Amino acid sequence: MAREKEGYRDCLERLDKKFPDKEILKYADLIVLFKRSRTTIIRSWQPYYNKAVGGIPKTTVARVMCS
């Protein structure tokens, strides 16, 4: 059985505080969170973008942040 990465819960809690009303984050939210240009965010996060839900789930962002 897979184990959570160390710091996953902390990252998820940080995201919940920053975006309490969202479960799916858009590129604009990631720009605010990481303070990077739109081009950099799109290039970095495009593999994680889920077209079916229209963004990137917070759980995925937390997983990538703590790796």
C-alpha atoms as a PDB file:
ATOM      1  CA  MET A   1       0.000   0.000   0.000  1.00  0.00           C
ATOM      2  CA  ALA A   2       1.321   3.423  -0.923  1.00  0.00           C
ATOM      3  CA  ARG A   3       2.348   5.809   1.808  1.00  0.00           C
ATOM      4  CA  GLU A   4       1.752   9.543   1.933  1.00  0.00           C
ATOM      5  CA  LYS A   5       4.797  11.629   1.303  1.00  0.00           C
ATOM      6  CA  GLU A   6       6.200  13.525   4.251  1.00  0.00           C
ATOM      7  CA  GLY A   7       4.699  16.992   4.412  1.00  0.00           C
ATOM      8  CA  TYR A   8       1.663  16.141   2.262  1.00  0.00           C
ATOM      9  CA  ARG A   9      -0.847  17.025   4.980  1.00  0.00           C
ATOM     10  CA  ASP A  10       0.961  20.318   5.681  1.00  0.00           C
ATOM     11  CA  CYS A  11       0.875  21.262   2.007  1.00  0.00           C
ATOM     12  CA  LEU A  12      -2.799  20.362   1.742  1.00  0.00           C
ATOM     13  CA  GLU A  13      -3.580  22.407   4.858  1.00  0.00           C
ATOM     14  CA  ARG A  14      -1.697  25.391   3.395  1.00  0.00           C
ATOM     15  CA  LEU A  15      -3.729  25.118   0.190  1.00  0.00           C
ATOM     16  CA  ASP A  16      -6.974  24.836   2.168  1.00  0.00           C
ATOM     17  CA  LYS A  17      -6.147  28.055   4.021  1.00  0.00           C
ATOM     18  CA  LYS A  18      -5.217  29.902   0.830  1.00  0.00           C
ATOM     19  CA  PHE A  19      -8.179  28.601  -1.235  1.00  0.00           C
ATOM     20  CA  PRO A  20     -10.870  27.506   1.261  1.00  0.00           C
ATOM     21  CA  ASP A  21     -13.752  27.450  -1.212  1.00  0.00           C
ATOM     22  CA  LYS A  22     -12.035  25.585  -4.054  1.00  0.00           C
ATOM     23  CA  GLU A  23     -11.230  21.928  -4.674  1.00  0.00           C
ATOM     24  CA  ILE A  24      -9.980  22.498  -8.226  1.00  0.00           C
ATOM     25  CA  LEU A  25      -7.285  25.116  -8.860  1.00  0.00           C
ATOM     26  CA  LYS A  26      -6.925  27.026 -12.097  1.00  0.00           C
ATOM     27  CA  TYR A  27      -3.667  28.288 -13.563  1.00  0.00           C
ATOM     28  CA  ALA A  28      -4.494  31.770 -12.187  1.00  0.00           C
ATOM     29  CA  ASP A  29      -4.608  30.334  -8.658  1.00  0.00           C
ATOM     30  CA  LEU A  30      -1.210  28.706  -9.119  1.00  0.00           C
ATOM     31  CA  ILE A  31       0.233  31.989 -10.396  1.00  0.00           C
ATOM     32  CA  VAL A  32      -0.876  33.653  -7.140  1.00  0.00           C
ATOM     33  CA  LEU A  33       0.385  30.756  -5.013  1.00  0.00           C
ATOM     34  CA  PHE A  34       3.844  30.355  -6.557  1.00  0.00           C
ATOM     35  CA  LYS A  35       4.388  33.944  -7.787  1.00  0.00           C
ATOM     36  CA  ARG A  36       5.626  32.793 -11.203  1.00  0.00           C
ATOM     37  CA  SER A  37       4.757  33.921 -14.720  1.00  0.00           C
ATOM     38  CA  ARG A  38       1.794  32.439 -16.567  1.00  0.00           C
ATOM     39  CA  THR A  39       4.102  30.781 -19.096  1.00  0.00           C
ATOM     40  CA  THR A  40       6.156  29.088 -16.379  1.00  0.00           C
ATOM     41  CA  ILE A  41       3.069  27.849 -14.528  1.00  0.00           C
ATOM     42  CA  ILE A  42       1.455  26.451 -17.667  1.00  0.00           C
ATOM     43  CA  ARG A  43       4.661  24.740 -18.753  1.00  0.00           C
ATOM     44  CA  SER A  44       5.223  23.225 -15.303  1.00  0.00           C
ATOM     45  CA  TRP A  45       1.662  22.187 -14.449  1.00  0.00           C
ATOM     46  CA  GLN A  46       0.266  21.192 -17.851  1.00  0.00           C
ATOM     47  CA  PRO A  47       0.886  17.446 -17.291  1.00  0.00           C
ATOM     48  CA  TYR A  48      -1.324  17.592 -14.188  1.00  0.00           C
ATOM     49  CA  TYR A  49      -4.175  19.586 -15.762  1.00  0.00           C
ATOM     50  CA  ASN A  50      -7.406  17.577 -15.818  1.00  0.00           C
ATOM     51  CA  LYS A  51      -9.665  18.640 -18.699  1.00  0.00           C
ATOM     52  CA  ALA A  52     -12.617  16.729 -17.274  1.00  0.00           C
ATOM     53  CA  VAL A  53     -12.733  18.911 -14.149  1.00  0.00           C
ATOM     54  CA  GLY A  54     -11.269  22.064 -15.675  1.00  0.00           C
ATOM     55  CA  GLY A  55      -8.190  22.459 -13.532  1.00  0.00           C
ATOM     56  CA  ILE A  56      -5.843  20.725 -11.125  1.00  0.00           C
ATOM     57  CA  PRO A  57      -7.182  19.112  -7.934  1.00  0.00           C
ATOM     58  CA  LYS A  58      -5.769  20.498  -4.667  1.00  0.00           C
ATOM     59  CA  THR A  59      -4.664  17.005  -3.681  1.00  0.00           C
ATOM     60  CA  THR A  60      -2.489  16.779  -6.793  1.00  0.00           C
ATOM     61  CA  VAL A  61      -0.949  20.191  -6.161  1.00  0.00           C
ATOM     62  CA  ALA A  62      -0.157  19.164  -2.558  1.00  0.00           C
ATOM     63  CA  ARG A  63       1.394  15.894  -3.727  1.00  0.00           C
ATOM     64  CA  VAL A  64       3.649  17.665  -6.223  1.00  0.00           C
ATOM     65  CA  MET A  65       4.567  20.416  -3.748  1.00  0.00           C
ATOM     66  CA  CYS A  66       5.858  17.968  -1.141  1.00  0.00           C
ATOM     67  CA  SER A  67       7.893  15.814  -3.517  1.00  0.00           C
END
